C-alpha atoms as a PDB file:
ATOM      1  CA  UNK A   1     126.565  98.696 142.993  1.00  0.00           C
ATOM      2  CA  UNK A   2     129.213  97.288 140.694  1.00  0.00           C
ATOM      3  CA  UNK A   3     129.677  96.653 137.017  1.00  0.00           C
ATOM      4  CA  UNK A   4     130.415  93.082 136.152  1.00  0.00           C
ATOM      5  CA  UNK A   5     133.054  91.804 133.719  1.00  0.00           C
ATOM      6  CA  UNK A   6     130.865  92.657 130.751  1.00  0.00           C
ATOM      7  CA  UNK A   7     130.390  96.246 131.945  1.00  0.00           C
ATOM      8  CA  UNK A   8     126.703  95.831 132.749  1.00  0.00           C
ATOM      9  CA  UNK A   9     125.482  97.738 135.783  1.00  0.00           C
ATOM     10  CA  UNK A  10     123.550  95.121 137.721  1.00  0.00           C
ATOM     11  CA  UNK A  11     121.300  95.187 140.815  1.00  0.00           C
ATOM     12  CA  UNK A  12     121.769  92.790 143.684  1.00  0.00           C
ATOM     13  CA  UNK A  13     121.948  89.236 142.251  1.00  0.00           C
ATOM     14  CA  UNK A  14     119.051  86.810 142.579  1.00  0.00           C
ATOM     15  CA  UNK A  15     119.662  83.358 143.970  1.00  0.00           C
ATOM     16  CA  UNK A  16     118.172  81.024 141.378  1.00  0.00           C
ATOM     17  CA  UNK A  17     120.085  79.627 138.411  1.00  0.00           C
ATOM     18  CA  UNK A  18     117.235  80.744 136.137  1.00  0.00           C
ATOM     19  CA  UNK A  19     117.525  84.346 137.335  1.00  0.00           C
ATOM     20  CA  UNK A  20     121.271  84.316 136.736  1.00  0.00           C
ATOM     21  CA  UNK A  21     120.750  82.865 133.259  1.00  0.00           C
ATOM     22  CA  UNK A  22     118.331  85.691 132.502  1.00  0.00           C
ATOM     23  CA  UNK A  23     120.913  88.294 133.511  1.00  0.00           C
ATOM     24  CA  UNK A  24     123.556  86.640 131.331  1.00  0.00           C
ATOM     25  CA  UNK A  25     121.102  86.733 128.439  1.00  0.00           C
ATOM     26  CA  UNK A  26     120.641  90.489 128.954  1.00  0.00           C
ATOM     27  CA  UNK A  27     124.415  90.955 128.758  1.00  0.00           C
ATOM     28  CA  UNK A  28     124.526  88.977 125.507  1.00  0.00           C
ATOM     29  CA  UNK A  29     122.005  91.331 123.873  1.00  0.00           C
ATOM     30  CA  UNK A  30     124.427  94.252 124.109  1.00  0.00           C
ATOM     31  CA  UNK A  31     121.786  96.496 125.690  1.00  0.00           C
ATOM     32  CA  UNK A  32     122.789  99.615 127.616  1.00  0.00           C
ATOM     33  CA  UNK A  33     122.780  98.207 131.148  1.00  0.00           C
ATOM     34  CA  UNK A  34     122.714 101.652 132.747  1.00  0.00           C
ATOM     35  CA  UNK A  35     119.597 102.610 130.790  1.00  0.00           C
ATOM     36  CA  UNK A  36     117.922  99.320 131.713  1.00  0.00           C
ATOM     37  CA  UNK A  37     118.704  99.764 135.403  1.00  0.00           C
ATOM     38  CA  UNK A  38     117.462 103.357 135.368  1.00  0.00           C
ATOM     39  CA  UNK A  39     114.197 102.256 133.746  1.00  0.00           C
ATOM     40  CA  UNK A  40     113.782  99.542 136.398  1.00  0.00           C
ATOM     41  CA  UNK A  41     114.409 102.060 139.172  1.00  0.00           C
ATOM     42  CA  UNK A  42     111.820 104.489 137.815  1.00  0.00           C
ATOM     43  CA  UNK A  43     109.175 101.789 137.539  1.00  0.00           C
ATOM     44  CA  UNK A  44     110.015 100.296 140.915  1.00  0.00           C
ATOM     45  CA  UNK A  45     109.677 103.668 142.594  1.00  0.00           C
ATOM     46  CA  UNK A  46     106.103 103.866 141.295  1.00  0.00           C
ATOM     47  CA  UNK A  47     105.189 100.626 143.079  1.00  0.00           C
ATOM     48  CA  UNK A  48     104.269 102.435 146.283  1.00  0.00           C
ATOM     49  CA  UNK A  49     102.683 100.237 148.918  1.00  0.00           C
ATOM     50  CA  UNK A  50     103.453  97.065 146.960  1.00  0.00           C
ATOM     51  CA  UNK A  51     105.676  94.102 147.659  1.00  0.00           C
ATOM     52  CA  UNK A  52     108.777  95.315 145.819  1.00  0.00           C
ATOM     53  CA  UNK A  53     110.423  91.881 145.813  1.00  0.00           C
ATOM     54  CA  UNK A  54     107.483  90.610 143.768  1.00  0.00           C
ATOM     55  CA  UNK A  55     106.986  93.862 141.857  1.00  0.00           C
ATOM     56  CA  UNK A  56     110.619  93.846 140.728  1.00  0.00           C
ATOM     57  CA  UNK A  57     109.900  90.806 138.539  1.00  0.00           C
ATOM     58  CA  UNK A  58     107.236  92.616 136.506  1.00  0.00           C
ATOM     59  CA  UNK A  59     109.312  95.781 136.519  1.00  0.00           C
ATOM     60  CA  UNK A  60     112.256  93.952 134.935  1.00  0.00           C
ATOM     61  CA  UNK A  61     110.179  92.888 131.935  1.00  0.00           C
ATOM     62  CA  UNK A  62     108.571  96.307 131.537  1.00  0.00           C
ATOM     63  CA  UNK A  63     111.983  97.980 131.630  1.00  0.00           C
ATOM     64  CA  UNK A  64     113.467  95.450 129.207  1.00  0.00           C
ATOM     65  CA  UNK A  65     110.609  95.915 126.731  1.00  0.00           C
ATOM     66  CA  UNK A  66     111.062  99.687 126.826  1.00  0.00           C
ATOM     67  CA  UNK A  67     114.874  99.661 126.655  1.00  0.00           C
ATOM     68  CA  UNK A  68     115.073  97.095 123.857  1.00  0.00           C
ATOM     69  CA  UNK A  69     111.999  98.470 122.022  1.00  0.00           C
ATOM     70  CA  UNK A  70     110.710  94.883 122.049  1.00  0.00           C
ATOM     71  CA  UNK A  71     107.024  94.232 122.626  1.00  0.00           C
ATOM     72  CA  UNK A  72     107.852  90.499 122.774  1.00  0.00           C
ATOM     73  CA  UNK A  73     110.582  90.968 125.385  1.00  0.00           C
ATOM     74  CA  UNK A  74     110.542  87.475 126.912  1.00  0.00           C
ATOM     75  CA  UNK A  75     110.380  85.669 123.584  1.00  0.00           C
ATOM     76  CA  UNK A  76     113.179  87.854 122.215  1.00  0.00           C
ATOM     77  CA  UNK A  77     115.403  87.392 125.274  1.00  0.00           C
ATOM     78  CA  UNK A  78     114.993  83.596 125.159  1.00  0.00           C
ATOM     79  CA  UNK A  79     117.244  83.568 122.081  1.00  0.00           C
ATOM     80  CA  UNK A  80     120.163  84.864 124.153  1.00  0.00           C
ATOM     81  CA  UNK A  81     119.922  82.469 127.109  1.00  0.00           C
ATOM     82  CA  UNK A  82     123.269  80.774 127.820  1.00  0.00           C
ATOM     83  CA  UNK A  83     123.790  77.047 127.399  1.00  0.00           C
ATOM     84  CA  UNK A  84     122.940  75.216 130.609  1.00  0.00           C
ATOM     85  CA  UNK A  85     126.161  73.499 131.588  1.00  0.00           C
ATOM     86  CA  UNK A  86     127.678  72.024 134.738  1.00  0.00           C
ATOM     87  CA  UNK A  87     124.582  72.008 136.986  1.00  0.00           C
ATOM     88  CA  UNK A  88     123.642  68.820 138.844  1.00  0.00           C
ATOM     89  CA  UNK A  89     120.407  68.706 136.800  1.00  0.00           C
ATOM     90  CA  UNK A  90     122.431  68.293 133.619  1.00  0.00           C
ATOM     91  CA  UNK A  91     124.341  65.411 135.221  1.00  0.00           C
ATOM     92  CA  UNK A  92     121.108  63.420 135.547  1.00  0.00           C
ATOM     93  CA  UNK A  93     121.138  63.077 131.773  1.00  0.00           C
ATOM     94  CA  UNK A  94     124.597  61.464 131.890  1.00  0.00           C
ATOM     95  CA  UNK A  95     123.684  58.925 134.576  1.00  0.00           C
ATOM     96  CA  UNK A  96     120.335  57.775 133.185  1.00  0.00           C
ATOM     97  CA  UNK A  97     119.965  55.215 130.433  1.00  0.00           C
ATOM     98  CA  UNK A  98     117.182  57.082 128.622  1.00  0.00           C
ATOM     99  CA  UNK A  99     116.145  60.682 128.097  1.00  0.00           C
ATOM    100  CA  UNK A 100     112.766  59.879 129.677  1.00  0.00           C
ATOM    101  CA  UNK A 101     114.341  58.438 132.814  1.00  0.00           C
ATOM    102  CA  UNK A 102     116.546  61.503 133.224  1.00  0.00           C
ATOM    103  CA  UNK A 103     113.581  63.842 132.667  1.00  0.00           C
ATOM    104  CA  UNK A 104     111.565  62.122 135.406  1.00  0.00           C
ATOM    105  CA  UNK A 105     114.515  62.398 137.821  1.00  0.00           C
ATOM    106  CA  UNK A 106     114.965  66.061 136.897  1.00  0.00           C
ATOM    107  CA  UNK A 107     111.333  66.898 137.657  1.00  0.00           C
ATOM    108  CA  UNK A 108     111.802  65.489 141.169  1.00  0.00           C
ATOM    109  CA  UNK A 109     114.529  68.093 141.767  1.00  0.00           C
ATOM    110  CA  UNK A 110     113.243  71.020 139.710  1.00  0.00           C
ATOM    111  CA  UNK A 111     113.291  73.361 142.700  1.00  0.00           C
ATOM    112  CA  UNK A 112     117.063  73.352 142.333  1.00  0.00           C
ATOM    113  CA  UNK A 113     116.433  75.598 139.338  1.00  0.00           C
ATOM    114  CA  UNK A 114     113.826  77.880 140.914  1.00  0.00           C
ATOM    115  CA  UNK A 115     111.733  77.608 144.060  1.00  0.00           C
ATOM    116  CA  UNK A 116     108.440  78.275 142.246  1.00  0.00           C
ATOM    117  CA  UNK A 117     108.832  75.686 139.469  1.00  0.00           C
ATOM    118  CA  UNK A 118     106.112  73.039 139.344  1.00  0.00           C
ATOM    119  CA  UNK A 119     106.310  71.087 136.089  1.00  0.00           C
ATOM    120  CA  UNK A 120     104.662  67.696 135.552  1.00  0.00           C
ATOM    121  CA  UNK A 121     105.081  65.168 132.753  1.00  0.00           C
ATOM    122  CA  UNK A 122     101.763  63.953 131.298  1.00  0.00           C
ATOM    123  CA  UNK A 123     101.573  60.921 128.993  1.00  0.00           C
ATOM    124  CA  UNK A 124      98.348  59.575 127.533  1.00  0.00           C
ATOM    125  CA  UNK A 125      97.572  57.213 124.682  1.00  0.00           C
ATOM    126  CA  UNK A 126      97.486  60.144 122.265  1.00  0.00           C
ATOM    127  CA  UNK A 127      99.805  62.871 123.566  1.00  0.00           C
ATOM    128  CA  UNK A 128     102.816  63.718 125.707  1.00  0.00           C
ATOM    129  CA  UNK A 129     103.520  67.094 127.285  1.00  0.00           C
ATOM    130  CA  UNK A 130     105.014  69.042 130.169  1.00  0.00           C
ATOM    131  CA  UNK A 131     102.502  71.178 132.059  1.00  0.00           C
ATOM    132  CA  UNK A 132     103.170  74.104 134.389  1.00  0.00           C
ATOM    133  CA  UNK A 133     101.166  73.645 137.604  1.00  0.00           C
ATOM    134  CA  UNK A 134     102.622  76.547 139.585  1.00  0.00           C
ATOM    135  CA  UNK A 135     100.192  78.953 141.208  1.00  0.00           C
ATOM    136  CA  UNK A 136     102.406  82.007 140.787  1.00  0.00           C
ATOM    137  CA  UNK A 137     100.958  85.145 139.136  1.00  0.00           C
ATOM    138  CA  UNK A 138     101.180  84.694 135.378  1.00  0.00           C
ATOM    139  CA  UNK A 139     103.712  86.742 133.412  1.00  0.00           C
ATOM    140  CA  UNK A 140     103.716  86.501 129.642  1.00  0.00           C
ATOM    141  CA  UNK A 141     107.342  87.529 129.205  1.00  0.00           C
ATOM    142  CA  UNK A 142     108.653  85.229 131.927  1.00  0.00           C
ATOM    143  CA  UNK A 143     106.686  82.266 130.538  1.00  0.00           C
ATOM    144  CA  UNK A 144     107.912  82.859 126.983  1.00  0.00           C
ATOM    145  CA  UNK A 145     111.532  83.338 128.019  1.00  0.00           C
ATOM    146  CA  UNK A 146     111.489  80.236 130.220  1.00  0.00           C
ATOM    147  CA  UNK A 147     109.895  78.162 127.455  1.00  0.00           C
ATOM    148  CA  UNK A 148     112.725  79.027 125.093  1.00  0.00           C
ATOM    149  CA  UNK A 149     115.257  77.938 127.694  1.00  0.00           C
ATOM    150  CA  UNK A 150     113.459  74.640 128.345  1.00  0.00           C
ATOM    151  CA  UNK A 151     113.352  73.779 124.651  1.00  0.00           C
ATOM    152  CA  UNK A 152     117.041  74.490 124.171  1.00  0.00           C
ATOM    153  CA  UNK A 153     118.092  72.545 127.262  1.00  0.00           C
ATOM    154  CA  UNK A 154     116.005  69.452 126.477  1.00  0.00           C
ATOM    155  CA  UNK A 155     117.198  69.443 122.890  1.00  0.00           C
ATOM    156  CA  UNK A 156     120.843  69.668 124.028  1.00  0.00           C
ATOM    157  CA  UNK A 157     120.692  66.914 126.649  1.00  0.00           C
ATOM    158  CA  UNK A 158     118.744  64.568 124.342  1.00  0.00           C
ATOM    159  CA  UNK A 159     121.291  65.016 121.553  1.00  0.00           C
ATOM    160  CA  UNK A 160     118.576  66.548 119.380  1.00  0.00           C
ATOM    161  CA  UNK A 161     116.003  63.777 119.959  1.00  0.00           C
ATOM    162  CA  UNK A 162     113.654  66.197 121.744  1.00  0.00           C
ATOM    163  CA  UNK A 163     111.711  68.627 119.577  1.00  0.00           C
ATOM    164  CA  UNK A 164     108.591  70.639 120.469  1.00  0.00           C
ATOM    165  CA  UNK A 165     105.383  69.884 118.587  1.00  0.00           C
ATOM    166  CA  UNK A 166     103.108  72.600 119.996  1.00  0.00           C
ATOM    167  CA  UNK A 167     103.078  75.083 122.890  1.00  0.00           C
ATOM    168  CA  UNK A 168     100.120  76.376 124.875  1.00  0.00           C
ATOM    169  CA  UNK A 169     100.263  79.639 126.844  1.00  0.00           C
ATOM    170  CA  UNK A 170      97.690  81.078 129.214  1.00  0.00           C
ATOM    171  CA  UNK A 171      98.044  84.702 128.073  1.00  0.00           C
ATOM    172  CA  UNK A 172      95.719  85.782 125.278  1.00  0.00           C
ATOM    173  CA  UNK A 173      97.896  88.430 123.624  1.00  0.00           C
ATOM    174  CA  UNK A 174     101.334  87.581 122.250  1.00  0.00           C
ATOM    175  CA  UNK A 175     103.667  87.637 119.267  1.00  0.00           C
ATOM    176  CA  UNK A 176     102.891  86.893 115.656  1.00  0.00           C
ATOM    177  CA  UNK A 177     102.564  83.194 114.830  1.00  0.00           C
ATOM    178  CA  UNK A 178     105.521  83.386 112.452  1.00  0.00           C
ATOM    179  CA  UNK A 179     107.788  84.754 115.160  1.00  0.00           C
ATOM    180  CA  UNK A 180     106.865  81.998 117.596  1.00  0.00           C
ATOM    181  CA  UNK A 181     107.519  79.383 114.930  1.00  0.00           C
ATOM    182  CA  UNK A 182     110.860  80.945 114.050  1.00  0.00           C
ATOM    183  CA  UNK A 183     112.130  80.952 117.644  1.00  0.00           C
ATOM    184  CA  UNK A 184     110.469  77.865 119.142  1.00  0.00           C
ATOM    185  CA  UNK A 185     110.272  75.770 116.000  1.00  0.00           C
ATOM    186  CA  UNK A 186     106.599  74.886 116.481  1.00  0.00           C
ATOM    187  CA  UNK A 187     103.092  76.412 116.554  1.00  0.00           C
ATOM    188  CA  UNK A 188     101.869  78.307 119.611  1.00  0.00           C
ATOM    189  CA  UNK A 189      98.296  78.563 120.879  1.00  0.00           C
ATOM    190  CA  UNK A 190      97.396  81.461 123.168  1.00  0.00           C
ATOM    191  CA  UNK A 191      94.588  81.843 125.713  1.00  0.00           C
ATOM    192  CA  UNK A 192      94.744  78.224 126.848  1.00  0.00           C
ATOM    193  CA  UNK A 193      93.822  76.910 130.307  1.00  0.00           C
ATOM    194  CA  UNK A 194      97.375  75.729 131.035  1.00  0.00           C
ATOM    195  CA  UNK A 195     100.921  76.329 129.883  1.00  0.00           C
ATOM    196  CA  UNK A 196     101.956  73.149 128.071  1.00  0.00           C
ATOM    197  CA  UNK A 197     104.877  71.956 125.976  1.00  0.00           C
ATOM    198  CA  UNK A 198     103.924  69.076 123.674  1.00  0.00           C
ATOM    199  CA  UNK A 199     106.584  66.763 122.239  1.00  0.00           C
ATOM    200  CA  UNK A 200     106.942  63.365 120.588  1.00  0.00           C
ATOM    201  CA  UNK A 201     106.841  60.601 123.260  1.00  0.00           C
ATOM    202  CA  UNK A 202     109.290  58.564 121.151  1.00  0.00           C
ATOM    203  CA  UNK A 203     112.055  60.906 122.359  1.00  0.00           C
ATOM    204  CA  UNK A 204     111.642  59.560 125.900  1.00  0.00           C
ATOM    205  CA  UNK A 205     113.161  56.251 124.760  1.00  0.00           C
ATOM    206  CA  UNK A 206     116.283  57.901 123.363  1.00  0.00           C
ATOM    207  CA  UNK A 207     119.358  56.278 124.941  1.00  0.00           C
ATOM    208  CA  UNK A 208     122.431  58.257 125.918  1.00  0.00           C
ATOM    209  CA  UNK A 209     125.435  56.347 124.549  1.00  0.00           C
ATOM    210  CA  UNK A 210     127.809  57.614 127.260  1.00  0.00           C
ATOM    211  CA  UNK A 211     125.487  57.166 130.286  1.00  0.00           C
ATOM    212  CA  UNK A 212     127.150  55.901 133.475  1.00  0.00           C
ATOM    213  CA  UNK A 213     124.424  54.410 135.683  1.00  0.00           C
ATOM    214  CA  UNK A 214     126.864  53.928 138.567  1.00  0.00           C
ATOM    215  CA  UNK A 215     126.765  57.701 139.129  1.00  0.00           C
ATOM    216  CA  UNK A 216     123.005  57.862 139.803  1.00  0.00           C
ATOM    217  CA  UNK A 217     123.231  57.583 143.593  1.00  0.00           C
ATOM    218  CA  UNK A 218     126.048  60.142 143.771  1.00  0.00           C
ATOM    219  CA  UNK A 219     124.162  62.658 141.642  1.00  0.00           C
ATOM    220  CA  UNK A 220     120.984  62.241 143.675  1.00  0.00           C
ATOM    221  CA  UNK A 221     122.849  62.704 146.958  1.00  0.00           C
ATOM    222  CA  UNK A 222     124.368  65.935 145.664  1.00  0.00           C
ATOM    223  CA  UNK A 223     120.891  67.063 144.597  1.00  0.00           C
ATOM    224  CA  UNK A 224     119.440  66.204 148.018  1.00  0.00           C
ATOM    225  CA  UNK A 225     122.162  68.230 149.748  1.00  0.00           C
ATOM    226  CA  UNK A 226     121.493  71.203 147.495  1.00  0.00           C
ATOM    227  CA  UNK A 227     117.739  70.994 148.124  1.00  0.00           C
ATOM    228  CA  UNK A 228     118.387  71.138 151.862  1.00  0.00           C
ATOM    229  CA  UNK A 229     120.587  74.186 151.396  1.00  0.00           C
ATOM    230  CA  UNK A 230     117.950  75.897 149.252  1.00  0.00           C
ATOM    231  CA  UNK A 231     115.330  75.198 151.911  1.00  0.00           C
ATOM    232  CA  UNK A 232     117.428  77.080 154.449  1.00  0.00           C
ATOM    233  CA  UNK A 233     118.103  79.964 152.084  1.00  0.00           C
ATOM    234  CA  UNK A 234     114.399  80.353 151.300  1.00  0.00           C
ATOM    235  CA  UNK A 235     114.037  81.899 154.752  1.00  0.00           C
ATOM    236  CA  UNK A 236     116.290  84.749 153.664  1.00  0.00           C
ATOM    237  CA  UNK A 237     113.972  85.444 150.724  1.00  0.00           C
ATOM    238  CA  UNK A 238     110.947  85.360 153.048  1.00  0.00           C
ATOM    239  CA  UNK A 239     112.629  87.869 155.349  1.00  0.00           C
ATOM    240  CA  UNK A 240     113.452  90.142 152.413  1.00  0.00           C
ATOM    241  CA  UNK A 241     109.858  89.931 151.218  1.00  0.00           C
ATOM    242  CA  UNK A 242     108.538  90.783 154.694  1.00  0.00           C
ATOM    243  CA  UNK A 243     110.907  93.750 154.874  1.00  0.00           C
ATOM    244  CA  UNK A 244     109.749  95.018 151.470  1.00  0.00           C
ATOM    245  CA  UNK A 245     106.141  94.880 152.658  1.00  0.00           C
ATOM    246  CA  UNK A 246     106.859  96.654 155.942  1.00  0.00           C
ATOM    247  CA  UNK A 247     109.491  99.256 155.085  1.00  0.00           C
ATOM    248  CA  UNK A 248     107.267 102.236 154.289  1.00  0.00           C
ATOM    249  CA  UNK A 249     105.068 101.657 157.328  1.00  0.00           C
ATOM    250  CA  UNK A 250     108.098 101.835 159.587  1.00  0.00           C
ATOM    251  CA  UNK A 251     107.289  98.599 161.432  1.00  0.00           C
ATOM    252  CA  UNK A 252     110.244  96.522 160.247  1.00  0.00           C
ATOM    253  CA  UNK A 253     112.076  95.716 163.474  1.00  0.00           C
ATOM    254  CA  UNK A 254     113.153  92.119 163.970  1.00  0.00           C
ATOM    255  CA  UNK A 255     110.294  91.398 166.391  1.00  0.00           C
ATOM    256  CA  UNK A 256     107.681  92.641 163.894  1.00  0.00           C
ATOM    257  CA  UNK A 257     109.235  90.690 161.015  1.00  0.00           C
ATOM    258  CA  UNK A 258     109.501  87.519 163.109  1.00  0.00           C
ATOM    259  CA  UNK A 259     105.838  87.818 164.056  1.00  0.00           C
ATOM    260  CA  UNK A 260     104.917  88.383 160.419  1.00  0.00           C
ATOM    261  CA  UNK A 261     106.711  85.125 159.561  1.00  0.00           C
ATOM    262  CA  UNK A 262     104.976  83.262 162.384  1.00  0.00           C
ATOM    263  CA  UNK A 263     108.037  82.657 164.544  1.00  0.00           C
ATOM    264  CA  UNK A 264     109.759  84.038 167.615  1.00  0.00           C
ATOM    265  CA  UNK A 265     112.640  86.468 167.482  1.00  0.00           C
ATOM    266  CA  UNK A 266     115.015  83.856 168.884  1.00  0.00           C
ATOM    267  CA  UNK A 267     114.018  81.210 166.348  1.00  0.00           C
ATOM    268  CA  UNK A 268     114.439  83.667 163.475  1.00  0.00           C
ATOM    269  CA  UNK A 269     117.888  84.644 164.737  1.00  0.00           C
ATOM    270  CA  UNK A 270     118.940  81.007 165.075  1.00  0.00           C
ATOM    271  CA  UNK A 271     117.711  79.996 161.632  1.00  0.00           C
ATOM    272  CA  UNK A 272     119.409  82.955 159.984  1.00  0.00           C
ATOM    273  CA  UNK A 273     122.617  82.138 161.844  1.00  0.00           C
ATOM    274  CA  UNK A 274     122.457  78.613 160.388  1.00  0.00           C
ATOM    275  CA  UNK A 275     122.920  80.146 156.906  1.00  0.00           C
ATOM    276  CA  UNK A 276     125.617  82.506 158.181  1.00  0.00           C
ATOM    277  CA  UNK A 277     123.647  85.738 158.103  1.00  0.00           C
ATOM    278  CA  UNK A 278     121.623  87.946 160.440  1.00  0.00           C
ATOM    279  CA  UNK A 279     118.504  90.067 160.330  1.00  0.00           C
ATOM    280  CA  UNK A 280     120.480  93.320 160.361  1.00  0.00           C
ATOM    281  CA  UNK A 281     122.639  92.111 157.484  1.00  0.00           C
ATOM    282  CA  UNK A 282     119.582  91.255 155.358  1.00  0.00           C
ATOM    283  CA  UNK A 283     117.870  94.541 156.254  1.00  0.00           C
ATOM    284  CA  UNK A 284     120.921  96.653 155.427  1.00  0.00           C
ATOM    285  CA  UNK A 285     121.542  94.801 152.178  1.00  0.00           C
ATOM    286  CA  UNK A 286     117.925  95.232 151.091  1.00  0.00           C
ATOM    287  CA  UNK A 287     117.831  98.926 151.949  1.00  0.00           C
ATOM    288  CA  UNK A 288     121.140  99.547 150.219  1.00  0.00           C
ATOM    289  CA  UNK A 289     120.042  97.748 147.050  1.00  0.00           C
ATOM    290  CA  UNK A 290     116.767  99.692 146.986  1.00  0.00           C
ATOM    291  CA  UNK A 291     118.547 103.000 147.629  1.00  0.00           C
ATOM    292  CA  UNK A 292     121.023 102.341 144.816  1.00  0.00           C
ATOM    293  CA  UNK A 293     118.220 101.595 142.358  1.00  0.00           C
ATOM    294  CA  UNK A 294     116.248 104.686 143.339  1.00  0.00           C
ATOM    295  CA  UNK A 295     119.323 106.933 143.177  1.00  0.00           C
ATOM    296  CA  UNK A 296     119.794 105.812 139.567  1.00  0.00           C
ATOM    297  CA  UNK A 297     116.332 107.234 138.818  1.00  0.00           C
ATOM    298  CA  UNK A 298     114.958 110.773 139.021  1.00  0.00           C
ATOM    299  CA  UNK A 299     113.399 110.250 142.465  1.00  0.00           C
ATOM    300  CA  UNK A 300     114.077 113.064 144.910  1.00  0.00           C
ATOM    301  CA  UNK A 301     116.306 112.342 147.903  1.00  0.00           C
ATOM    302  CA  UNK A 302     113.377 113.143 150.193  1.00  0.00           C
ATOM    303  CA  UNK A 303     111.220 110.486 148.548  1.00  0.00           C
ATOM    304  CA  UNK A 304     114.061 107.948 148.607  1.00  0.00           C
ATOM    305  CA  UNK A 305     114.435 108.536 152.346  1.00  0.00           C
ATOM    306  CA  UNK A 306     110.755 107.670 152.781  1.00  0.00           C
ATOM    307  CA  UNK A 307     110.814 104.672 150.446  1.00  0.00           C
ATOM    308  CA  UNK A 308     113.827 103.138 152.187  1.00  0.00           C
ATOM    309  CA  UNK A 309     112.261 103.476 155.635  1.00  0.00           C
ATOM    310  CA  UNK A 310     114.469 106.151 157.209  1.00  0.00           C
ATOM    311  CA  UNK A 311     113.083 108.666 159.657  1.00  0.00           C
ATOM    312  CA  UNK A 312     114.940 111.665 158.226  1.00  0.00           C
ATOM    313  CA  UNK A 313     117.515 112.567 155.533  1.00  0.00           C
ATOM    314  CA  UNK A 314     120.431 112.778 157.963  1.00  0.00           C
ATOM    315  CA  UNK A 315     119.899 109.173 159.109  1.00  0.00           C
ATOM    316  CA  UNK A 316     119.752 108.053 155.469  1.00  0.00           C
ATOM    317  CA  UNK A 317     122.935 109.967 154.584  1.00  0.00           C
ATOM    318  CA  UNK A 318     124.835 108.483 157.525  1.00  0.00           C
ATOM    319  CA  UNK A 319     123.748 104.932 156.727  1.00  0.00           C
ATOM    320  CA  UNK A 320     124.459 105.246 153.005  1.00  0.00           C
ATOM    321  CA  UNK A 321     127.919 106.672 153.627  1.00  0.00           C
ATOM    322  CA  UNK A 322     128.638 103.853 156.090  1.00  0.00           C
ATOM    323  CA  UNK A 323     127.568 101.259 153.517  1.00  0.00           C
ATOM    324  CA  UNK A 324     129.259 102.705 150.442  1.00  0.00           C
ATOM    325  CA  UNK A 325     131.909 105.208 151.515  1.00  0.00           C
ATOM    326  CA  UNK A 326     130.130 108.010 149.628  1.00  0.00           C
ATOM    327  CA  UNK A 327     127.072 110.192 150.106  1.00  0.00           C
ATOM    328  CA  UNK A 328     123.855 109.579 148.148  1.00  0.00           C
ATOM    329  CA  UNK A 329     124.538 112.738 146.152  1.00  0.00           C
ATOM    330  CA  UNK A 330     128.048 111.565 145.244  1.00  0.00           C
ATOM    331  CA  UNK A 331     126.664 108.175 144.216  1.00  0.00           C
ATOM    332  CA  UNK A 332     124.053 109.792 141.966  1.00  0.00           C
ATOM    333  CA  UNK A 333     126.580 112.155 140.392  1.00  0.00           C
ATOM    334  CA  UNK A 334     128.959 109.303 139.600  1.00  0.00           C
ATOM    335  CA  UNK A 335     126.137 107.297 138.086  1.00  0.00           C
ATOM    336  CA  UNK A 336     124.963 110.217 135.966  1.00  0.00           C
ATOM    337  CA  UNK A 337     128.525 110.789 134.784  1.00  0.00           C
ATOM    338  CA  UNK A 338     128.667 107.178 133.623  1.00  0.00           C
ATOM    339  CA  UNK A 339     131.569 106.235 135.881  1.00  0.00           C
ATOM    340  CA  UNK A 340     132.032 102.850 137.531  1.00  0.00           C
ATOM    341  CA  UNK A 341     130.543 102.684 141.014  1.00  0.00           C
ATOM    342  CA  UNK A 342     132.456 100.290 143.247  1.00  0.00           C
ATOM    343  CA  UNK A 343     131.361  99.722 146.798  1.00  0.00           C
ATOM    344  CA  UNK A 344     133.893  98.325 149.267  1.00  0.00           C
END
């Protein structure tokens, strides 16, 4: 585990640009990163028998709410999201004549931002809105944080032409109406059937004065290449998820994981090799990340041994020392002393 340039003690990084933006937003708040990580570790350790890759998402928001003393954690954090600059998605808005044309192109490549995104543009005679059609478990804080980021990005790339008119959320409990209006700039309705972002359809006709249409094909080819790369990397996330579901039961050998993913051992090895990794590398990285988080909590070493899938403490100690150059006890002591923990 390492501290980044801002001094924030961070867990293993997530792949998506949205996840990285969220972490940058946390840094910008000035929160105590060590306290946030410790709160995450405590909550994650309680998720016995659960898929920890999925559970870690809910745990992050719970820990953030507690550390920041913010009941509206996602809405609050949305104010600190960094400007979205330099991504291929932003380039679409410089190679399309209108804001609407760029938005339609962007929605075709939204998985470049996160693999679970599923937004659709709806236009009728009376209204215009973006609707979230993803089937992922609903999280109030994630939805509210993401909405803030979407509004800021669309306003930036449209040169202020885009402005939200009304927002619908599926969750029934949320912030005060005044707080939503102050951060989003529009009314919010809770307990709705879908998450929607309404805006004035006139903004779709806004023309970008510096658009270069000759770059459209180039930008789309770059986006296609990145989508192909993401498709390959999604396998790594599936392997990590399968490991998280199998670790405590002890049946996490490569043959068992391959069978769980519906493929042969050889095919799994070949596909992982195509993205320059291996099953053992993913397994070790996952176990190390989990061990680091748990060692930053008050969990006993004996329980950490069990939760990370080791047969006995001596095997855990040997592996942890091989990975980090220090024993679990040394790691915990350095963390508790507030010293930087750098792993070679």
